[in-house]
Amino acid sequence: MACMNEDGQWIVLMGLLTALGLFFLALIINQSALVGQTTAEGVLEFPKNDIRDLRSEIFDVYDSYGTLHAQGRLGDVEEDIIRISLERKNAVVHFGNDTPQDVSGRDLHPVTIHYNNGVTEYDEIVYY
C-alpha cells in the first residue's frame, strides 16, 4: 500500500477542475449574450425616427398655416396627424402652440409636442 501510484488521482482532479472552469465560462458567456440582446432591443425600441417625422410634420403644418390651433381646415390636418400616429405607430400624440414669447429679443411661439407609445414618453417645448 505504501508504494501506490497516485498520478491517476491528479489527472481526474485536473479534469474535474477543467470541467468546472468551462461550465462557469459558458455561463458567463451566455449571460453576456443575453445582456447584449436586451440592450440592443432597448435601442431598437426607442422611436427616434418616429419622433423626428412627427416634429417635421408639425413644423410643416406650422409653416403652412402660421399656427397650430384647431380652426377649420387646420383642425382636420391636426386630427389627421393624431389619427395616423395612433393607427400606424400606436402612439398617442398631442401638440399645440401658445402665444408668442420674447426670447432674446425675438417673438417666438412655444410649440409643445407630446408623444407616448406605451414604452417611450417624449415631451418637448420648441420655440419656433
N, C-alpha and C. Protein backbone atom coordinates (compact mmCIF):
# COMPACT_ATOMS: atom_id res chain seq x y z
N MET A 1 0.81 -1.18 0.00
CA MET A 1 0.00 0.00 0.00
C MET A 1 0.86 1.25 0.00
N ALA A 2 2.00 1.21 0.56
CA ALA A 2 2.85 2.38 0.67
C ALA A 2 3.38 2.81 -0.69
N CYS A 3 3.45 1.93 -1.65
CA CYS A 3 4.02 2.26 -2.95
C CYS A 3 2.96 2.44 -4.03
N MET A 4 1.77 2.95 -3.69
CA MET A 4 0.71 3.14 -4.68
C MET A 4 1.03 4.33 -5.58
N ASN A 5 0.65 4.20 -6.82
CA ASN A 5 0.85 5.27 -7.79
C ASN A 5 -0.39 6.18 -7.74
N GLU A 6 -0.21 7.44 -7.33
CA GLU A 6 -1.32 8.38 -7.17
C GLU A 6 -1.43 9.36 -8.33
N ASP A 7 -0.75 9.14 -9.44
CA ASP A 7 -0.80 10.05 -10.58
C ASP A 7 -2.19 10.10 -11.20
N GLY A 8 -2.92 9.03 -11.18
CA GLY A 8 -4.26 8.98 -11.76
C GLY A 8 -5.23 9.89 -11.02
N GLN A 9 -5.04 10.02 -9.72
CA GLN A 9 -5.93 10.91 -8.95
C GLN A 9 -5.76 12.37 -9.37
N TRP A 10 -4.52 12.78 -9.65
CA TRP A 10 -4.27 14.14 -10.10
C TRP A 10 -4.88 14.41 -11.48
N ILE A 11 -4.84 13.41 -12.34
CA ILE A 11 -5.43 13.56 -13.67
C ILE A 11 -6.94 13.75 -13.55
N VAL A 12 -7.60 12.94 -12.71
CA VAL A 12 -9.05 13.05 -12.52
C VAL A 12 -9.39 14.40 -11.87
N LEU A 13 -8.62 14.84 -10.89
CA LEU A 13 -8.86 16.11 -10.23
C LEU A 13 -8.69 17.29 -11.20
N MET A 14 -7.66 17.26 -12.04
CA MET A 14 -7.46 18.33 -13.02
C MET A 14 -8.58 18.32 -14.07
N GLY A 15 -9.05 17.15 -14.44
CA GLY A 15 -10.17 17.06 -15.37
C GLY A 15 -11.44 17.66 -14.78
N LEU A 16 -11.68 17.39 -13.50
CA LEU A 16 -12.85 17.96 -12.82
C LEU A 16 -12.75 19.49 -12.73
N LEU A 17 -11.59 20.00 -12.39
CA LEU A 17 -11.41 21.45 -12.32
C LEU A 17 -11.56 22.10 -13.69
N THR A 18 -11.07 21.47 -14.73
CA THR A 18 -11.22 21.99 -16.09
C THR A 18 -12.70 22.01 -16.50
N ALA A 19 -13.43 20.95 -16.17
CA ALA A 19 -14.85 20.89 -16.50
C ALA A 19 -15.63 21.99 -15.76
N LEU A 20 -15.32 22.21 -14.48
CA LEU A 20 -15.98 23.28 -13.73
C LEU A 20 -15.64 24.65 -14.31
N GLY A 21 -14.40 24.85 -14.70
CA GLY A 21 -13.99 26.12 -15.31
C GLY A 21 -14.73 26.38 -16.62
N LEU A 22 -14.85 25.36 -17.46
CA LEU A 22 -15.58 25.52 -18.71
C LEU A 22 -17.06 25.79 -18.47
N PHE A 23 -17.62 25.15 -17.44
CA PHE A 23 -19.02 25.38 -17.10
C PHE A 23 -19.26 26.84 -16.71
N PHE A 24 -18.43 27.38 -15.83
CA PHE A 24 -18.59 28.78 -15.41
C PHE A 24 -18.31 29.75 -16.57
N LEU A 25 -17.36 29.42 -17.42
CA LEU A 25 -17.08 30.26 -18.58
C LEU A 25 -18.28 30.28 -19.53
N ALA A 26 -18.88 29.13 -19.76
CA ALA A 26 -20.07 29.06 -20.62
C ALA A 26 -21.23 29.83 -20.00
N LEU A 27 -21.38 29.77 -18.69
CA LEU A 27 -22.43 30.51 -18.01
C LEU A 27 -22.24 32.02 -18.16
N ILE A 28 -21.03 32.49 -18.02
CA ILE A 28 -20.74 33.91 -18.16
C ILE A 28 -20.97 34.38 -19.60
N ILE A 29 -20.53 33.59 -20.57
CA ILE A 29 -20.74 33.95 -21.98
C ILE A 29 -22.23 33.99 -22.31
N ASN A 30 -22.99 33.04 -21.78
CA ASN A 30 -24.43 33.01 -22.01
C ASN A 30 -25.10 34.26 -21.44
N GLN A 31 -24.72 34.67 -20.25
CA GLN A 31 -25.31 35.86 -19.63
C GLN A 31 -24.93 37.12 -20.39
N SER A 32 -23.71 37.20 -20.88
CA SER A 32 -23.30 38.40 -21.62
C SER A 32 -24.05 38.50 -22.94
N ALA A 33 -24.36 37.37 -23.54
CA ALA A 33 -25.14 37.41 -24.79
C ALA A 33 -26.56 37.91 -24.51
N LEU A 34 -27.14 37.50 -23.39
CA LEU A 34 -28.48 37.97 -23.05
C LEU A 34 -28.50 39.46 -22.75
N VAL A 35 -27.49 39.94 -22.03
CA VAL A 35 -27.42 41.36 -21.71
C VAL A 35 -27.24 42.17 -22.98
N GLY A 36 -26.42 41.71 -23.90
CA GLY A 36 -26.24 42.41 -25.16
C GLY A 36 -27.51 42.45 -25.98
N GLN A 37 -28.28 41.37 -25.94
CA GLN A 37 -29.53 41.32 -26.70
C GLN A 37 -30.54 42.31 -26.13
N THR A 38 -30.70 42.35 -24.81
CA THR A 38 -31.68 43.27 -24.24
C THR A 38 -31.26 44.72 -24.43
N THR A 39 -29.97 45.00 -24.43
CA THR A 39 -29.51 46.35 -24.70
C THR A 39 -29.83 46.75 -26.14
N ALA A 40 -29.60 45.85 -27.07
CA ALA A 40 -29.92 46.14 -28.47
C ALA A 40 -31.42 46.33 -28.66
N GLU A 41 -32.23 45.54 -27.97
CA GLU A 41 -33.68 45.69 -28.07
C GLU A 41 -34.12 47.05 -27.53
N GLY A 42 -33.49 47.50 -26.45
CA GLY A 42 -33.81 48.81 -25.89
C GLY A 42 -33.51 49.93 -26.86
N VAL A 43 -32.41 49.81 -27.58
CA VAL A 43 -32.06 50.83 -28.56
C VAL A 43 -33.04 50.79 -29.72
N LEU A 44 -33.43 49.61 -30.15
CA LEU A 44 -34.36 49.50 -31.28
C LEU A 44 -35.75 49.96 -30.93
N GLU A 45 -36.14 49.85 -29.65
CA GLU A 45 -37.49 50.24 -29.24
C GLU A 45 -37.65 51.75 -29.14
N PHE A 46 -36.56 52.50 -29.05
CA PHE A 46 -36.68 53.95 -28.94
C PHE A 46 -37.07 54.51 -30.30
N PRO A 47 -38.21 55.20 -30.39
CA PRO A 47 -38.74 55.63 -31.68
C PRO A 47 -38.16 56.97 -32.16
N LYS A 48 -36.86 57.04 -32.30
CA LYS A 48 -36.21 58.30 -32.68
C LYS A 48 -36.71 58.80 -34.03
N ASN A 49 -36.77 57.92 -35.01
CA ASN A 49 -37.21 58.35 -36.34
C ASN A 49 -38.68 58.73 -36.35
N ASP A 50 -39.50 58.05 -35.56
CA ASP A 50 -40.92 58.40 -35.48
C ASP A 50 -41.09 59.81 -34.90
N ILE A 51 -40.31 60.12 -33.87
CA ILE A 51 -40.39 61.45 -33.26
C ILE A 51 -39.88 62.51 -34.23
N ARG A 52 -38.81 62.21 -34.95
CA ARG A 52 -38.30 63.17 -35.94
C ARG A 52 -39.33 63.42 -37.04
N ASP A 53 -39.98 62.36 -37.51
CA ASP A 53 -41.01 62.53 -38.55
C ASP A 53 -42.18 63.35 -38.03
N LEU A 54 -42.58 63.10 -36.79
CA LEU A 54 -43.68 63.85 -36.19
C LEU A 54 -43.32 65.33 -36.08
N ARG A 55 -42.12 65.63 -35.59
CA ARG A 55 -41.68 67.01 -35.48
C ARG A 55 -41.66 67.69 -36.84
N SER A 56 -41.17 66.98 -37.84
CA SER A 56 -41.12 67.54 -39.19
C SER A 56 -42.51 67.89 -39.70
N GLU A 57 -43.46 67.01 -39.50
CA GLU A 57 -44.83 67.27 -39.96
C GLU A 57 -45.47 68.42 -39.19
N ILE A 58 -45.23 68.48 -37.89
CA ILE A 58 -45.79 69.58 -37.09
C ILE A 58 -45.23 70.92 -37.55
N PHE A 59 -43.93 70.97 -37.81
CA PHE A 59 -43.34 72.23 -38.26
C PHE A 59 -43.77 72.58 -39.68
N ASP A 60 -44.03 71.56 -40.52
CA ASP A 60 -44.57 71.84 -41.86
C ASP A 60 -45.96 72.46 -41.76
N VAL A 61 -46.79 71.93 -40.85
CA VAL A 61 -48.13 72.48 -40.65
C VAL A 61 -48.02 73.91 -40.13
N TYR A 62 -47.11 74.12 -39.18
CA TYR A 62 -46.94 75.46 -38.61
C TYR A 62 -46.47 76.44 -39.68
N ASP A 63 -45.54 76.01 -40.54
CA ASP A 63 -45.07 76.89 -41.62
C ASP A 63 -46.18 77.20 -42.61
N SER A 64 -47.05 76.23 -42.87
CA SER A 64 -48.13 76.43 -43.86
C SER A 64 -49.23 77.33 -43.33
N TYR A 65 -49.62 77.13 -42.07
CA TYR A 65 -50.77 77.85 -41.53
C TYR A 65 -50.40 78.97 -40.56
N GLY A 66 -49.19 78.97 -40.03
CA GLY A 66 -48.77 80.01 -39.10
C GLY A 66 -49.25 79.80 -37.68
N THR A 67 -49.99 78.72 -37.43
CA THR A 67 -50.47 78.41 -36.09
C THR A 67 -50.76 76.91 -36.02
N LEU A 68 -50.96 76.43 -34.82
CA LEU A 68 -51.33 75.02 -34.64
C LEU A 68 -52.67 74.89 -33.93
N HIS A 69 -53.39 76.00 -33.75
CA HIS A 69 -54.69 75.93 -33.10
C HIS A 69 -55.73 75.40 -34.08
N ALA A 70 -56.63 74.56 -33.58
CA ALA A 70 -57.64 73.93 -34.43
C ALA A 70 -58.67 74.96 -34.89
N GLN A 71 -58.72 75.17 -36.18
CA GLN A 71 -59.75 76.04 -36.76
C GLN A 71 -59.92 75.64 -38.22
N GLY A 72 -61.13 75.32 -38.60
CA GLY A 72 -61.43 74.98 -39.99
C GLY A 72 -60.61 73.83 -40.52
N ARG A 73 -59.96 74.05 -41.64
CA ARG A 73 -59.18 73.01 -42.29
C ARG A 73 -57.96 72.60 -41.48
N LEU A 74 -57.39 73.53 -40.71
CA LEU A 74 -56.24 73.22 -39.86
C LEU A 74 -56.61 72.17 -38.83
N GLY A 75 -57.83 72.23 -38.29
CA GLY A 75 -58.27 71.23 -37.32
C GLY A 75 -58.29 69.84 -37.93
N ASP A 76 -58.65 69.75 -39.21
CA ASP A 76 -58.64 68.46 -39.90
C ASP A 76 -57.22 67.92 -40.05
N VAL A 77 -56.27 68.80 -40.36
CA VAL A 77 -54.88 68.38 -40.50
C VAL A 77 -54.34 67.89 -39.17
N GLU A 78 -54.63 68.63 -38.10
CA GLU A 78 -54.20 68.22 -36.77
C GLU A 78 -54.80 66.88 -36.39
N GLU A 79 -56.08 66.72 -36.65
CA GLU A 79 -56.75 65.46 -36.34
C GLU A 79 -56.18 64.31 -37.17
N ASP A 80 -55.83 64.57 -38.43
CA ASP A 80 -55.23 63.54 -39.28
C ASP A 80 -53.87 63.09 -38.73
N ILE A 81 -53.05 64.03 -38.29
CA ILE A 81 -51.74 63.67 -37.74
C ILE A 81 -51.92 62.81 -36.50
N ILE A 82 -52.85 63.18 -35.63
CA ILE A 82 -53.09 62.42 -34.40
C ILE A 82 -53.59 61.01 -34.74
N ARG A 83 -54.53 60.90 -35.67
CA ARG A 83 -55.08 59.58 -36.02
C ARG A 83 -54.06 58.70 -36.73
N ILE A 84 -53.26 59.28 -37.61
CA ILE A 84 -52.24 58.49 -38.31
C ILE A 84 -51.20 57.98 -37.33
N SER A 85 -50.78 58.81 -36.38
CA SER A 85 -49.81 58.37 -35.37
C SER A 85 -50.37 57.23 -34.53
N LEU A 86 -51.64 57.33 -34.18
CA LEU A 86 -52.26 56.27 -33.38
C LEU A 86 -52.43 54.99 -34.19
N GLU A 87 -52.81 55.11 -35.44
CA GLU A 87 -53.07 53.94 -36.27
C GLU A 87 -51.78 53.23 -36.70
N ARG A 88 -50.81 53.98 -37.19
CA ARG A 88 -49.61 53.37 -37.76
C ARG A 88 -48.54 53.06 -36.72
N LYS A 89 -48.40 53.93 -35.72
CA LYS A 89 -47.30 53.79 -34.76
C LYS A 89 -47.77 53.42 -33.35
N ASN A 90 -49.08 53.31 -33.17
CA ASN A 90 -49.65 53.05 -31.84
C ASN A 90 -49.15 54.06 -30.82
N ALA A 91 -49.14 55.31 -31.21
CA ALA A 91 -48.61 56.38 -30.35
C ALA A 91 -49.67 57.45 -30.16
N VAL A 92 -49.80 57.89 -28.91
CA VAL A 92 -50.69 58.99 -28.59
C VAL A 92 -49.90 60.28 -28.76
N VAL A 93 -50.43 61.20 -29.57
CA VAL A 93 -49.71 62.42 -29.91
C VAL A 93 -50.61 63.62 -29.62
N HIS A 94 -50.05 64.63 -28.97
CA HIS A 94 -50.71 65.92 -28.76
C HIS A 94 -49.70 67.00 -29.09
N PHE A 95 -50.16 68.06 -29.73
CA PHE A 95 -49.27 69.18 -30.00
C PHE A 95 -50.09 70.45 -30.11
N GLY A 96 -49.42 71.55 -29.90
CA GLY A 96 -50.07 72.85 -29.98
C GLY A 96 -49.06 73.95 -29.75
N ASN A 97 -49.54 75.19 -29.86
CA ASN A 97 -48.65 76.31 -29.59
C ASN A 97 -49.38 77.36 -28.76
N ASP A 98 -48.60 78.20 -28.10
CA ASP A 98 -49.14 79.25 -27.24
C ASP A 98 -48.85 80.61 -27.86
N THR A 99 -49.14 81.63 -27.09
CA THR A 99 -48.89 83.00 -27.56
C THR A 99 -47.39 83.24 -27.67
N PRO A 100 -46.99 84.12 -28.57
CA PRO A 100 -45.56 84.38 -28.75
C PRO A 100 -44.92 84.92 -27.47
N GLN A 101 -43.68 84.52 -27.26
CA GLN A 101 -42.91 84.98 -26.10
C GLN A 101 -41.61 85.60 -26.60
N ASP A 102 -41.12 86.55 -25.82
CA ASP A 102 -39.87 87.21 -26.17
C ASP A 102 -38.70 86.32 -25.76
N VAL A 103 -37.94 85.87 -26.74
CA VAL A 103 -36.76 85.04 -26.48
C VAL A 103 -35.58 85.73 -27.16
N SER A 104 -34.71 86.31 -26.37
CA SER A 104 -33.51 87.00 -26.86
C SER A 104 -33.86 88.08 -27.88
N GLY A 105 -34.91 88.84 -27.61
CA GLY A 105 -35.28 89.93 -28.47
C GLY A 105 -36.13 89.55 -29.68
N ARG A 106 -36.52 88.30 -29.77
CA ARG A 106 -37.36 87.84 -30.89
C ARG A 106 -38.64 87.24 -30.34
N ASP A 107 -39.74 87.46 -31.02
CA ASP A 107 -41.01 86.84 -30.62
C ASP A 107 -41.12 85.46 -31.25
N LEU A 108 -41.04 84.43 -30.40
CA LEU A 108 -41.12 83.05 -30.87
C LEU A 108 -42.31 82.36 -30.24
N HIS A 109 -42.93 81.45 -30.97
CA HIS A 109 -44.06 80.68 -30.47
C HIS A 109 -43.56 79.40 -29.82
N PRO A 110 -43.95 79.13 -28.56
CA PRO A 110 -43.59 77.84 -27.96
C PRO A 110 -44.50 76.74 -28.52
N VAL A 111 -43.91 75.76 -29.16
CA VAL A 111 -44.64 74.62 -29.72
C VAL A 111 -44.41 73.44 -28.79
N THR A 112 -45.50 72.90 -28.22
CA THR A 112 -45.40 71.76 -27.33
C THR A 112 -45.74 70.49 -28.10
N ILE A 113 -44.92 69.45 -27.88
CA ILE A 113 -45.12 68.16 -28.54
C ILE A 113 -45.12 67.09 -27.45
N HIS A 114 -46.15 66.25 -27.47
CA HIS A 114 -46.23 65.11 -26.54
C HIS A 114 -46.37 63.84 -27.38
N TYR A 115 -45.50 62.85 -27.11
CA TYR A 115 -45.50 61.57 -27.83
C TYR A 115 -45.43 60.47 -26.79
N ASN A 116 -46.32 59.49 -26.88
CA ASN A 116 -46.30 58.37 -25.95
C ASN A 116 -46.77 57.13 -26.70
N ASN A 117 -45.89 56.12 -26.79
CA ASN A 117 -46.27 54.88 -27.46
C ASN A 117 -46.39 53.71 -26.48
N GLY A 118 -46.47 54.00 -25.21
CA GLY A 118 -46.60 52.95 -24.21
C GLY A 118 -45.27 52.52 -23.63
N VAL A 119 -44.20 52.68 -24.38
CA VAL A 119 -42.85 52.35 -23.91
C VAL A 119 -42.06 53.62 -23.69
N THR A 120 -42.15 54.52 -24.64
CA THR A 120 -41.39 55.77 -24.60
C THR A 120 -42.35 56.95 -24.49
N GLU A 121 -42.07 57.82 -23.53
CA GLU A 121 -42.84 59.06 -23.41
C GLU A 121 -41.89 60.21 -23.67
N TYR A 122 -42.29 61.08 -24.58
CA TYR A 122 -41.43 62.18 -25.03
C TYR A 122 -42.23 63.47 -24.97
N ASP A 123 -41.72 64.45 -24.24
CA ASP A 123 -42.33 65.78 -24.16
C ASP A 123 -41.28 66.81 -24.54
N GLU A 124 -41.71 67.80 -25.34
CA GLU A 124 -40.75 68.80 -25.80
C GLU A 124 -41.48 70.13 -25.97
N ILE A 125 -40.78 71.19 -25.65
CA ILE A 125 -41.23 72.54 -25.95
C ILE A 125 -40.16 73.19 -26.82
N VAL A 126 -40.55 73.54 -28.04
CA VAL A 126 -39.63 74.14 -29.00
C VAL A 126 -40.12 75.55 -29.27
N TYR A 127 -39.22 76.51 -29.26
CA TYR A 127 -39.57 77.88 -29.61
C TYR A 127 -39.30 78.06 -31.09
N TYR A 128 -40.37 78.24 -31.85
CA TYR A 128 -40.28 78.22 -33.32
C TYR A 128 -40.81 79.51 -33.90
